[in-house]
């Protein structure tokens, strides 16, 4: 049977930009579009059907397990996840993607799996835009009403660890999470935050984030993180 002629919606999905697909409640691929199948090493999207993340050749078991735990979190909490994924892909190149995972429901509103979609972060300004969209209007209004913010110093120079800590802070990550992600002691992470506040002349962590965004750091993924495999939940909503 010709799947494409039976399901013209699949042709429509393949014309949309980015990576798309869906999995059942056991995290088994039901469908992926051509872009996603290509980057994970399959010539035909239909070849992915029935496979799990554990069957993707270039993906380690560690991250296959992480992806399945994310799927489970989406289905049990019924909340959408926004995830930064940085991995080496089938062609050997490293890529950064911003993925969204959401619950997949049938016509009776019963959850039957997960739907994922992602866009490659070739232009890192997408991260800055996404960050501002995640922030509440209340914070913006407070900033507009307050004149106590110091101007950030020009030409702020950060070392590798400072850049990594700041990047995660910009997405609301707590020291405990940053500690686990970067494999640092929590106290060490807290010390980096203090140093960052000093460099930005910030009186608080919240002010540090605002000043860092004003200085353009929301458009920067640390180079070191682009060569380190990771899957970071940026937001749950």
Foldseek 3Di string as FASTA:
>chain_A
DPPCVVPVVLVVVQPDDFKKFWAFLQQQTQFIHCVVCVFLPHRDRVVRGRPHPVPRVQDDPVVSVVVNVVFVCQQVVQWKFWKWFWDQTPVRDIWIKTKIKGFDADPVRHGTTIIMTIHTPPFLVVQLVVLVVPDDVVLVVVVVVDDPQDAFDPPQDDDLVLLQLLQLVSLVDQLVVSCVVVVHDSVVSVVSLVVLCVNRVHPDSSSSSVNCVVNPSSRDDRPVVNPPGDMGTSDID
